Amino acid sequence: MLTFDKPREIALEICNIHNVTLNNDNLKRFADIIVPMKLIRGKHPVSEGEVCDYIFYVKQGLVLQTYEKNEATITENIACDGDFTFCVESFFKREPSKLTITTLEPSIIYGLPHDKLYELAHTSYEICQLIFAIQQTTLFVLRHRADAMRFESARDKYVRLINEKPEIVRRAPMHNIASFLQMTPETLSRVRSTVNSEEF
């Protein structure tokens, strides 16, 4: 059963993930702007053409980022429990998103609203540090993924995903995993068979 945590607990969790400490007043102010969302499978917190107004913290669930190219749906990112997901360019530049965010499972996510987050930042250096830390983490994740896609073999990309995000391998549809790793489903099937045989 999906239930909401107390806003203060979520605020602390987000701060701890990013190694940022807020004093009690700022922690309360931050907790007060967090928007809890309980979503069934197949909901779209952000659709293509909409401005992404939130950074989403996925407490429980599985969430896709996709875009359309040549009449195909491409998986840009897969987020699960404990991950953050948002349309980076849309959120920061305040322009329509080229991505769609979709829940693949019933999910509990918490939204950090753009406008209220930056209102807090104008009055608190600690909140500025938190926003900077979120940006930095996002940049590192994107760079890490870009390097993996450019330089790693299909096998290495799959093994990395197993090691870093085993829940995604266990819970996400294979066609989404293949698209996320920039390989065909057939290639992924061959890689999985090879990797599974190596384990015995």
C-alpha atoms as a PDB file:
ATOM      1  CA  MET A   1       0.000   0.000   0.000  1.00  0.00           C
ATOM      2  CA  LEU A   2       1.344   3.408  -0.994  1.00  0.00           C
ATOM      3  CA  THR A   3       1.279   6.002   1.784  1.00  0.00           C
ATOM      4  CA  PHE A   4       2.745   9.462   2.182  1.00  0.00           C
ATOM      5  CA  ASP A   5       5.601  10.201   4.561  1.00  0.00           C
ATOM      6  CA  LYS A   6       5.590  13.346   6.662  1.00  0.00           C
ATOM      7  CA  PRO A   7       6.870  16.362   4.684  1.00  0.00           C
ATOM      8  CA  ARG A   8       9.677  16.960   7.184  1.00  0.00           C
ATOM      9  CA  GLU A   9      10.916  13.383   6.722  1.00  0.00           C
ATOM     10  CA  ILE A  10      10.974  13.811   2.946  1.00  0.00           C
ATOM     11  CA  ALA A  11      12.730  17.178   3.270  1.00  0.00           C
ATOM     12  CA  LEU A  12      15.403  15.579   5.464  1.00  0.00           C
ATOM     13  CA  GLU A  13      15.762  12.674   3.057  1.00  0.00           C
ATOM     14  CA  ILE A  14      16.289  15.004   0.086  1.00  0.00           C
ATOM     15  CA  CYS A  15      18.840  17.062   2.031  1.00  0.00           C
ATOM     16  CA  ASN A  16      20.719  13.959   3.151  1.00  0.00           C
ATOM     17  CA  ILE A  17      20.903  12.620  -0.411  1.00  0.00           C
ATOM     18  CA  HIS A  18      22.590  15.862  -1.465  1.00  0.00           C
ATOM     19  CA  ASN A  19      24.719  16.267   1.696  1.00  0.00           C
ATOM     20  CA  VAL A  20      23.103  19.604   2.575  1.00  0.00           C
ATOM     21  CA  THR A  21      22.127  20.632   6.104  1.00  0.00           C
ATOM     22  CA  LEU A  22      19.265  23.069   6.696  1.00  0.00           C
ATOM     23  CA  ASN A  23      18.563  24.719  10.028  1.00  0.00           C
ATOM     24  CA  ASN A  24      15.183  23.990  11.608  1.00  0.00           C
ATOM     25  CA  ASP A  25      13.513  27.079  10.174  1.00  0.00           C
ATOM     26  CA  ASN A  26      14.712  26.453   6.615  1.00  0.00           C
ATOM     27  CA  LEU A  27      13.905  22.762   6.894  1.00  0.00           C
ATOM     28  CA  LYS A  28      10.317  23.616   7.843  1.00  0.00           C
ATOM     29  CA  ARG A  29      10.028  26.170   5.036  1.00  0.00           C
ATOM     30  CA  PHE A  30      11.407  23.639   2.552  1.00  0.00           C
ATOM     31  CA  ALA A  31       9.082  20.892   3.814  1.00  0.00           C
ATOM     32  CA  ASP A  32       6.096  23.234   3.483  1.00  0.00           C
ATOM     33  CA  ILE A  33       6.536  23.628  -0.292  1.00  0.00           C
ATOM     34  CA  ILE A  34       6.928  19.905  -1.091  1.00  0.00           C
ATOM     35  CA  VAL A  35       3.929  18.591  -3.042  1.00  0.00           C
ATOM     36  CA  PRO A  36       3.015  14.918  -2.440  1.00  0.00           C
ATOM     37  CA  MET A  37       1.559  13.036  -5.425  1.00  0.00           C
ATOM     38  CA  LYS A  38       0.051   9.555  -5.484  1.00  0.00           C
ATOM     39  CA  LEU A  39      -0.192   8.439  -9.117  1.00  0.00           C
ATOM     40  CA  ILE A  40      -1.610   5.334 -10.738  1.00  0.00           C
ATOM     41  CA  ARG A  41       0.213   3.559 -13.542  1.00  0.00           C
ATOM     42  CA  GLY A  42       0.215   5.454 -16.834  1.00  0.00           C
ATOM     43  CA  LYS A  43      -0.140   8.991 -15.458  1.00  0.00           C
ATOM     44  CA  HIS A  44       1.878  11.867 -16.933  1.00  0.00           C
ATOM     45  CA  PRO A  45       3.264  14.333 -14.374  1.00  0.00           C
ATOM     46  CA  VAL A  46       4.701  16.139 -17.414  1.00  0.00           C
ATOM     47  CA  SER A  47       3.635  15.791 -21.046  1.00  0.00           C
ATOM     48  CA  GLU A  48       5.517  16.938 -24.138  1.00  0.00           C
ATOM     49  CA  GLY A  49       4.761  20.600 -24.766  1.00  0.00           C
ATOM     50  CA  GLU A  50       4.155  21.433 -21.104  1.00  0.00           C
ATOM     51  CA  VAL A  51       6.561  23.367 -18.910  1.00  0.00           C
ATOM     52  CA  CYS A  52       8.068  21.149 -16.227  1.00  0.00           C
ATOM     53  CA  ASP A  53       7.203  22.911 -12.961  1.00  0.00           C
ATOM     54  CA  TYR A  54       8.653  20.347 -10.553  1.00  0.00           C
ATOM     55  CA  ILE A  55      11.752  18.414  -9.667  1.00  0.00           C
ATOM     56  CA  PHE A  56      10.262  15.014  -8.826  1.00  0.00           C
ATOM     57  CA  TYR A  57      11.620  12.822  -6.032  1.00  0.00           C
ATOM     58  CA  VAL A  58      10.458   9.239  -6.597  1.00  0.00           C
ATOM     59  CA  LYS A  59       9.870   7.789  -3.147  1.00  0.00           C
ATOM     60  CA  GLN A  60       8.180   4.630  -4.444  1.00  0.00           C
ATOM     61  CA  GLY A  61       7.524   3.564  -8.003  1.00  0.00           C
ATOM     62  CA  LEU A  62       8.957   3.458 -11.488  1.00  0.00           C
ATOM     63  CA  VAL A  63       8.943   6.488 -13.770  1.00  0.00           C
ATOM     64  CA  LEU A  64       9.953   6.917 -17.422  1.00  0.00           C
ATOM     65  CA  GLN A  65      11.202   9.905 -19.387  1.00  0.00           C
ATOM     66  CA  THR A  66      10.530   9.474 -23.107  1.00  0.00           C
ATOM     67  CA  TYR A  67      10.502  11.437 -26.346  1.00  0.00           C
ATOM     68  CA  GLU A  68       9.249  10.801 -29.856  1.00  0.00           C
ATOM     69  CA  LYS A  69      11.649  10.398 -32.782  1.00  0.00           C
ATOM     70  CA  ASN A  70      10.860   9.065 -36.263  1.00  0.00           C
ATOM     71  CA  GLU A  71       7.495   7.761 -35.026  1.00  0.00           C
ATOM     72  CA  ALA A  72       9.233   5.765 -32.269  1.00  0.00           C
ATOM     73  CA  THR A  73       9.133   6.339 -28.514  1.00  0.00           C
ATOM     74  CA  ILE A  74      12.660   6.616 -27.112  1.00  0.00           C
ATOM     75  CA  THR A  75      13.405   6.072 -23.414  1.00  0.00           C
ATOM     76  CA  GLU A  76      15.592   8.885 -22.134  1.00  0.00           C
ATOM     77  CA  ASN A  77      15.645   7.902 -18.475  1.00  0.00           C
ATOM     78  CA  ILE A  78      14.196   5.411 -15.991  1.00  0.00           C
ATOM     79  CA  ALA A  79      13.838   6.440 -12.347  1.00  0.00           C
ATOM     80  CA  CYS A  80      12.850   4.239  -9.420  1.00  0.00           C
ATOM     81  CA  ASP A  81      12.743   4.399  -5.615  1.00  0.00           C
ATOM     82  CA  GLY A  82      15.073   7.096  -4.313  1.00  0.00           C
ATOM     83  CA  ASP A  83      15.774   8.718  -7.695  1.00  0.00           C
ATOM     84  CA  PHE A  84      15.057  12.224  -8.945  1.00  0.00           C
ATOM     85  CA  THR A  85      13.560  12.925 -12.342  1.00  0.00           C
ATOM     86  CA  PHE A  86      12.573  16.085 -14.175  1.00  0.00           C
ATOM     87  CA  CYS A  87      12.830  17.690 -17.592  1.00  0.00           C
ATOM     88  CA  VAL A  88      16.033  19.609 -16.940  1.00  0.00           C
ATOM     89  CA  GLU A  89      15.955  22.127 -19.784  1.00  0.00           C
ATOM     90  CA  SER A  90      12.253  22.825 -19.382  1.00  0.00           C
ATOM     91  CA  PHE A  91      12.515  23.263 -15.617  1.00  0.00           C
ATOM     92  CA  PHE A  92      15.439  25.674 -15.657  1.00  0.00           C
ATOM     93  CA  LYS A  93      14.688  27.567 -18.876  1.00  0.00           C
ATOM     94  CA  ARG A  94      10.904  27.628 -18.314  1.00  0.00           C
ATOM     95  CA  GLU A  95      10.116  26.418 -21.809  1.00  0.00           C
ATOM     96  CA  PRO A  96       7.906  23.599 -23.149  1.00  0.00           C
ATOM     97  CA  SER A  97       9.335  20.160 -22.539  1.00  0.00           C
ATOM     98  CA  LYS A  98      10.416  17.881 -25.366  1.00  0.00           C
ATOM     99  CA  LEU A  99      10.041  14.960 -22.936  1.00  0.00           C
ATOM    100  CA  THR A 100       7.110  13.145 -21.376  1.00  0.00           C
ATOM    101  CA  ILE A 101       7.273  11.709 -17.866  1.00  0.00           C
ATOM    102  CA  THR A 102       5.119   8.620 -17.274  1.00  0.00           C
ATOM    103  CA  THR A 103       4.554   6.355 -14.283  1.00  0.00           C
ATOM    104  CA  LEU A 104       5.122   2.670 -15.056  1.00  0.00           C
ATOM    105  CA  GLU A 105       3.841   1.581 -11.649  1.00  0.00           C
ATOM    106  CA  PRO A 106       1.566   3.064  -9.000  1.00  0.00           C
ATOM    107  CA  SER A 107       3.941   5.652  -7.547  1.00  0.00           C
ATOM    108  CA  ILE A 108       4.474   8.068  -4.697  1.00  0.00           C
ATOM    109  CA  ILE A 109       6.446  11.082  -5.855  1.00  0.00           C
ATOM    110  CA  TYR A 110       7.164  14.419  -4.228  1.00  0.00           C
ATOM    111  CA  GLY A 111       7.370  17.580  -6.296  1.00  0.00           C
ATOM    112  CA  LEU A 112       9.705  20.483  -5.587  1.00  0.00           C
ATOM    113  CA  PRO A 113       7.914  23.408  -7.278  1.00  0.00           C
ATOM    114  CA  HIS A 114      10.138  25.720  -9.302  1.00  0.00           C
ATOM    115  CA  ASP A 115       8.699  29.072  -8.267  1.00  0.00           C
ATOM    116  CA  LYS A 116       8.416  28.361  -4.539  1.00  0.00           C
ATOM    117  CA  LEU A 117      11.863  26.754  -4.477  1.00  0.00           C
ATOM    118  CA  TYR A 118      13.445  29.854  -5.971  1.00  0.00           C
ATOM    119  CA  GLU A 119      11.428  32.141  -3.720  1.00  0.00           C
ATOM    120  CA  LEU A 120      13.019  30.360  -0.773  1.00  0.00           C
ATOM    121  CA  ALA A 121      16.425  30.632  -2.429  1.00  0.00           C
ATOM    122  CA  HIS A 122      16.125  34.435  -2.486  1.00  0.00           C
ATOM    123  CA  THR A 123      15.927  34.457   1.300  1.00  0.00           C
ATOM    124  CA  SER A 124      18.209  31.575   2.290  1.00  0.00           C
ATOM    125  CA  TYR A 125      21.793  30.738   1.419  1.00  0.00           C
ATOM    126  CA  GLU A 126      21.168  27.174   2.653  1.00  0.00           C
ATOM    127  CA  ILE A 127      18.356  26.689   0.151  1.00  0.00           C
ATOM    128  CA  CYS A 128      20.665  28.058  -2.557  1.00  0.00           C
ATOM    129  CA  GLN A 129      23.171  25.376  -1.551  1.00  0.00           C
ATOM    130  CA  LEU A 130      20.465  22.724  -1.868  1.00  0.00           C
ATOM    131  CA  ILE A 131      19.447  23.887  -5.351  1.00  0.00           C
ATOM    132  CA  PHE A 132      23.101  23.975  -6.392  1.00  0.00           C
ATOM    133  CA  ALA A 133      23.610  20.462  -5.040  1.00  0.00           C
ATOM    134  CA  ILE A 134      20.598  19.170  -6.976  1.00  0.00           C
ATOM    135  CA  GLN A 135      21.912  20.822 -10.152  1.00  0.00           C
ATOM    136  CA  GLN A 136      25.380  19.391  -9.574  1.00  0.00           C
ATOM    137  CA  THR A 137      24.054  15.878  -8.976  1.00  0.00           C
ATOM    138  CA  THR A 138      21.904  16.098 -12.103  1.00  0.00           C
ATOM    139  CA  LEU A 139      24.879  17.267 -14.164  1.00  0.00           C
ATOM    140  CA  PHE A 140      27.041  14.393 -12.899  1.00  0.00           C
ATOM    141  CA  VAL A 141      24.312  11.835 -13.664  1.00  0.00           C
ATOM    142  CA  LEU A 142      23.834  13.183 -17.190  1.00  0.00           C
ATOM    143  CA  ARG A 143      27.583  13.273 -17.833  1.00  0.00           C
ATOM    144  CA  HIS A 144      28.008   9.761 -16.457  1.00  0.00           C
ATOM    145  CA  ARG A 145      25.264   8.464 -18.752  1.00  0.00           C
ATOM    146  CA  ALA A 146      26.628  10.315 -21.798  1.00  0.00           C
ATOM    147  CA  ASP A 147      30.100   8.843 -21.254  1.00  0.00           C
ATOM    148  CA  ALA A 148      28.665   5.345 -20.827  1.00  0.00           C
ATOM    149  CA  MET A 149      26.633   5.620 -24.026  1.00  0.00           C
ATOM    150  CA  ARG A 150      29.665   6.846 -26.001  1.00  0.00           C
ATOM    151  CA  PHE A 151      32.437   4.640 -24.689  1.00  0.00           C
ATOM    152  CA  GLU A 152      31.017   1.414 -23.241  1.00  0.00           C
ATOM    153  CA  SER A 153      30.089  -1.766 -25.065  1.00  0.00           C
ATOM    154  CA  ALA A 154      26.527  -3.092 -24.981  1.00  0.00           C
ATOM    155  CA  ARG A 155      27.571  -5.681 -22.399  1.00  0.00           C
ATOM    156  CA  ASP A 156      29.290  -3.116 -20.187  1.00  0.00           C
ATOM    157  CA  LYS A 157      26.303  -0.788 -20.295  1.00  0.00           C
ATOM    158  CA  TYR A 158      24.000  -3.602 -19.215  1.00  0.00           C
ATOM    159  CA  VAL A 159      26.326  -4.781 -16.436  1.00  0.00           C
ATOM    160  CA  ARG A 160      26.658  -1.213 -15.178  1.00  0.00           C
ATOM    161  CA  LEU A 161      22.874  -0.924 -15.003  1.00  0.00           C
ATOM    162  CA  ILE A 162      22.640  -4.210 -13.092  1.00  0.00           C
ATOM    163  CA  ASN A 163      25.220  -2.995 -10.587  1.00  0.00           C
ATOM    164  CA  GLU A 164      23.950   0.551 -10.187  1.00  0.00           C
ATOM    165  CA  LYS A 165      20.187   0.130 -10.607  1.00  0.00           C
ATOM    166  CA  PRO A 166      19.183  -3.535 -10.186  1.00  0.00           C
ATOM    167  CA  GLU A 167      15.571  -2.568  -9.473  1.00  0.00           C
ATOM    168  CA  ILE A 168      15.268  -1.068 -12.943  1.00  0.00           C
ATOM    169  CA  VAL A 169      16.489  -4.312 -14.507  1.00  0.00           C
ATOM    170  CA  ARG A 170      14.046  -6.274 -12.366  1.00  0.00           C
ATOM    171  CA  ARG A 171      10.971  -4.064 -12.796  1.00  0.00           C
ATOM    172  CA  ALA A 172      11.157  -2.139 -16.079  1.00  0.00           C
ATOM    173  CA  PRO A 173       9.903  -3.576 -19.403  1.00  0.00           C
ATOM    174  CA  MET A 174      12.740  -4.925 -21.525  1.00  0.00           C
ATOM    175  CA  HIS A 175      11.946  -2.706 -24.512  1.00  0.00           C
ATOM    176  CA  ASN A 176      12.344   0.371 -22.286  1.00  0.00           C
ATOM    177  CA  ILE A 177      15.639  -0.917 -20.896  1.00  0.00           C
ATOM    178  CA  ALA A 178      16.907  -1.593 -24.423  1.00  0.00           C
ATOM    179  CA  SER A 179      15.913   1.885 -25.567  1.00  0.00           C
ATOM    180  CA  PHE A 180      17.471   3.468 -22.469  1.00  0.00           C
ATOM    181  CA  LEU A 181      20.748   1.637 -23.149  1.00  0.00           C
ATOM    182  CA  GLN A 182      20.591   2.620 -26.834  1.00  0.00           C
ATOM    183  CA  MET A 183      20.419  -0.911 -28.198  1.00  0.00           C
ATOM    184  CA  THR A 184      17.822  -3.032 -29.940  1.00  0.00           C
ATOM    185  CA  PRO A 185      15.727  -5.508 -27.921  1.00  0.00           C
ATOM    186  CA  GLU A 186      17.482  -8.295 -29.831  1.00  0.00           C
ATOM    187  CA  THR A 187      20.910  -7.029 -28.777  1.00  0.00           C
ATOM    188  CA  LEU A 188      19.752  -6.707 -25.183  1.00  0.00           C
ATOM    189  CA  SER A 189      18.442 -10.271 -25.251  1.00  0.00           C
ATOM    190  CA  ARG A 190      21.822 -11.541 -26.468  1.00  0.00           C
ATOM    191  CA  VAL A 191      23.695  -9.485 -23.880  1.00  0.00           C
ATOM    192  CA  ARG A 192      21.449 -10.748 -21.080  1.00  0.00           C
ATOM    193  CA  SER A 193      22.042 -14.340 -22.121  1.00  0.00           C
ATOM    194  CA  THR A 194      25.803 -13.800 -22.174  1.00  0.00           C
ATOM    195  CA  VAL A 195      25.871 -12.070 -18.809  1.00  0.00           C
ATOM    196  CA  ASN A 196      23.589 -14.674 -17.220  1.00  0.00           C
ATOM    197  CA  SER A 197      25.807 -17.494 -18.504  1.00  0.00           C
ATOM    198  CA  GLU A 198      28.880 -15.780 -17.037  1.00  0.00           C
ATOM    199  CA  GLU A 199      27.319 -15.877 -13.574  1.00  0.00           C
ATOM    200  CA  PHE A 200      27.355 -19.674 -13.451  1.00  0.00           C
END
